[in-house]
Amino acid sequence: VASPSCADLSIDENDTLFTAIERALDTGLGRVYVRRADGSLAGQITLESAREAIRAGDYLAGMTAGAAARPVPTVLTADDAREGFGDIVAPVVD
């Protein structure tokens, strides 16, 4: 299985929530990173956060990826590992 490229892992902030879900599923990581027009990181959307937006009815109001994006944690905690960071970040032992 080929690793997803950086382009596969990110979407534009004006893309739809549906696009975010599709990309998160396509990469197999369950998350997608949202980039602003200037290329900077706006945040991330996980499948769980997308579910929450749909349950709240936000998707029906035409929510964009930029509006749905949540901050990307800069320090990983045990909670982050339970949310799926374990497949992205793995410790290296020399």
C-alpha atoms as a PDB file:
ATOM      1  CA  VAL A   1       0.000   0.000   0.000  1.00  0.00           C
ATOM      2  CA  ALA A   2       1.449   3.362  -1.003  1.00  0.00           C
ATOM      3  CA  SER A   3       1.725   6.090   1.602  1.00  0.00           C
ATOM      4  CA  PRO A   4      -0.476   9.106   0.980  1.00  0.00           C
ATOM      5  CA  SER A   5       1.309  12.200  -0.333  1.00  0.00           C
ATOM      6  CA  CYS A   6       1.124  15.603   1.374  1.00  0.00           C
ATOM      7  CA  ALA A   7      -1.385  16.709  -1.272  1.00  0.00           C
ATOM      8  CA  ASP A   8      -3.600  13.741  -0.353  1.00  0.00           C
ATOM      9  CA  LEU A   9      -3.522  14.708   3.321  1.00  0.00           C
ATOM     10  CA  SER A  10      -4.768  18.262   2.902  1.00  0.00           C
ATOM     11  CA  ILE A  11      -7.719  20.132   1.470  1.00  0.00           C
ATOM     12  CA  ASP A  12      -8.552  23.798   0.884  1.00  0.00           C
ATOM     13  CA  GLU A  13     -10.470  25.691   3.568  1.00  0.00           C
ATOM     14  CA  ASN A  14     -13.280  26.351   1.057  1.00  0.00           C
ATOM     15  CA  ASP A  15     -13.822  22.657   0.310  1.00  0.00           C
ATOM     16  CA  THR A  16     -16.914  21.030   1.725  1.00  0.00           C
ATOM     17  CA  LEU A  17     -17.158  18.841   4.791  1.00  0.00           C
ATOM     18  CA  PHE A  18     -18.052  15.987   2.421  1.00  0.00           C
ATOM     19  CA  THR A  19     -14.703  16.455   0.640  1.00  0.00           C
ATOM     20  CA  ALA A  20     -12.944  16.288   4.009  1.00  0.00           C
ATOM     21  CA  ILE A  21     -14.692  13.025   4.878  1.00  0.00           C
ATOM     22  CA  GLU A  22     -13.938  11.532   1.477  1.00  0.00           C
ATOM     23  CA  ARG A  23     -10.231  12.431   1.689  1.00  0.00           C
ATOM     24  CA  ALA A  24      -9.932  11.181   5.296  1.00  0.00           C
ATOM     25  CA  LEU A  25     -11.374   7.838   4.209  1.00  0.00           C
ATOM     26  CA  ASP A  26      -9.297   7.658   1.007  1.00  0.00           C
ATOM     27  CA  THR A  27      -5.996   8.090   2.841  1.00  0.00           C
ATOM     28  CA  GLY A  28      -6.942   5.547   5.488  1.00  0.00           C
ATOM     29  CA  LEU A  29      -5.778   7.895   8.266  1.00  0.00           C
ATOM     30  CA  GLY A  30      -9.200   9.097   9.365  1.00  0.00           C
ATOM     31  CA  ARG A  31      -8.132  12.738   9.273  1.00  0.00           C
ATOM     32  CA  VAL A  32      -7.343  15.499   6.824  1.00  0.00           C
ATOM     33  CA  TYR A  33      -5.487  18.774   7.279  1.00  0.00           C
ATOM     34  CA  VAL A  34      -7.105  22.021   6.163  1.00  0.00           C
ATOM     35  CA  ARG A  35      -4.943  24.683   4.514  1.00  0.00           C
ATOM     36  CA  ARG A  36      -5.702  28.377   4.104  1.00  0.00           C
ATOM     37  CA  ALA A  37      -5.394  30.210   0.777  1.00  0.00           C
ATOM     38  CA  ASP A  38      -1.862  31.307   1.745  1.00  0.00           C
ATOM     39  CA  GLY A  39      -0.883  27.662   2.319  1.00  0.00           C
ATOM     40  CA  SER A  40      -0.744  27.874   6.104  1.00  0.00           C
ATOM     41  CA  LEU A  41      -2.375  25.237   8.292  1.00  0.00           C
ATOM     42  CA  ALA A  42      -5.915  26.111   9.377  1.00  0.00           C
ATOM     43  CA  GLY A  43      -6.441  22.907  11.377  1.00  0.00           C
ATOM     44  CA  GLN A  44      -7.594  19.350  10.925  1.00  0.00           C
ATOM     45  CA  ILE A  45     -10.823  17.454  10.502  1.00  0.00           C
ATOM     46  CA  THR A  46     -11.108  13.951  11.886  1.00  0.00           C
ATOM     47  CA  LEU A  47     -13.893  11.535  11.050  1.00  0.00           C
ATOM     48  CA  GLU A  48     -15.144  11.978  14.609  1.00  0.00           C
ATOM     49  CA  SER A  49     -15.269  15.785  14.352  1.00  0.00           C
ATOM     50  CA  ALA A  50     -17.047  15.454  10.979  1.00  0.00           C
ATOM     51  CA  ARG A  51     -19.620  13.132  12.606  1.00  0.00           C
ATOM     52  CA  GLU A  52     -20.191  15.698  15.337  1.00  0.00           C
ATOM     53  CA  ALA A  53     -20.756  18.459  12.762  1.00  0.00           C
ATOM     54  CA  ILE A  54     -23.254  16.320  10.867  1.00  0.00           C
ATOM     55  CA  ARG A  55     -25.114  15.388  14.063  1.00  0.00           C
ATOM     56  CA  ALA A  56     -25.309  19.075  14.995  1.00  0.00           C
ATOM     57  CA  GLY A  57     -26.802  19.832  11.566  1.00  0.00           C
ATOM     58  CA  ASP A  58     -23.881  22.023  10.522  1.00  0.00           C
ATOM     59  CA  TYR A  59     -23.317  20.088   7.309  1.00  0.00           C
ATOM     60  CA  LEU A  60     -26.841  20.908   6.183  1.00  0.00           C
ATOM     61  CA  ALA A  61     -26.017  24.612   6.558  1.00  0.00           C
ATOM     62  CA  GLY A  62     -23.216  24.299   3.968  1.00  0.00           C
ATOM     63  CA  MET A  63     -20.293  24.093   6.372  1.00  0.00           C
ATOM     64  CA  THR A  64     -16.888  24.512   4.750  1.00  0.00           C
ATOM     65  CA  ALA A  65     -13.764  22.644   5.773  1.00  0.00           C
ATOM     66  CA  GLY A  66     -12.322  25.876   7.151  1.00  0.00           C
ATOM     67  CA  ALA A  67     -15.285  26.296   9.485  1.00  0.00           C
ATOM     68  CA  ALA A  68     -15.116  22.664  10.599  1.00  0.00           C
ATOM     69  CA  ALA A  69     -11.342  22.609  11.134  1.00  0.00           C
ATOM     70  CA  ARG A  70     -10.074  22.125  14.663  1.00  0.00           C
ATOM     71  CA  PRO A  71      -6.626  23.042  15.947  1.00  0.00           C
ATOM     72  CA  VAL A  72      -3.873  20.492  15.429  1.00  0.00           C
ATOM     73  CA  PRO A  73      -2.343  19.506  18.779  1.00  0.00           C
ATOM     74  CA  THR A  74       1.305  20.471  19.051  1.00  0.00           C
ATOM     75  CA  VAL A  75       1.999  18.245  22.057  1.00  0.00           C
ATOM     76  CA  LEU A  76       0.771  14.677  21.952  1.00  0.00           C
ATOM     77  CA  THR A  77      -0.922  13.253  25.018  1.00  0.00           C
ATOM     78  CA  ALA A  78      -2.342   9.847  25.864  1.00  0.00           C
ATOM     79  CA  ASP A  79      -5.757  11.140  24.712  1.00  0.00           C
ATOM     80  CA  ASP A  80      -4.285  12.016  21.311  1.00  0.00           C
ATOM     81  CA  ALA A  81      -3.019   8.456  20.915  1.00  0.00           C
ATOM     82  CA  ARG A  82      -6.525   7.146  21.570  1.00  0.00           C
ATOM     83  CA  GLU A  83      -7.845   9.529  18.892  1.00  0.00           C
ATOM     84  CA  GLY A  84      -5.660   7.992  16.213  1.00  0.00           C
ATOM     85  CA  PHE A  85      -2.307   9.746  16.320  1.00  0.00           C
ATOM     86  CA  GLY A  86      -0.640   6.386  16.877  1.00  0.00           C
ATOM     87  CA  ASP A  87      -0.802   5.640  13.139  1.00  0.00           C
ATOM     88  CA  ILE A  88       0.968   8.911  12.274  1.00  0.00           C
ATOM     89  CA  VAL A  89       3.491   9.316  15.061  1.00  0.00           C
ATOM     90  CA  ALA A  90       5.524   6.315  16.154  1.00  0.00           C
ATOM     91  CA  PRO A  91       8.448   6.329  18.584  1.00  0.00           C
ATOM     92  CA  VAL A  92      11.865   5.475  17.211  1.00  0.00           C
ATOM     93  CA  VAL A  93      14.255   3.502  19.385  1.00  0.00           C
ATOM     94  CA  ASP A  94      17.926   3.368  18.456  1.00  0.00           C
END
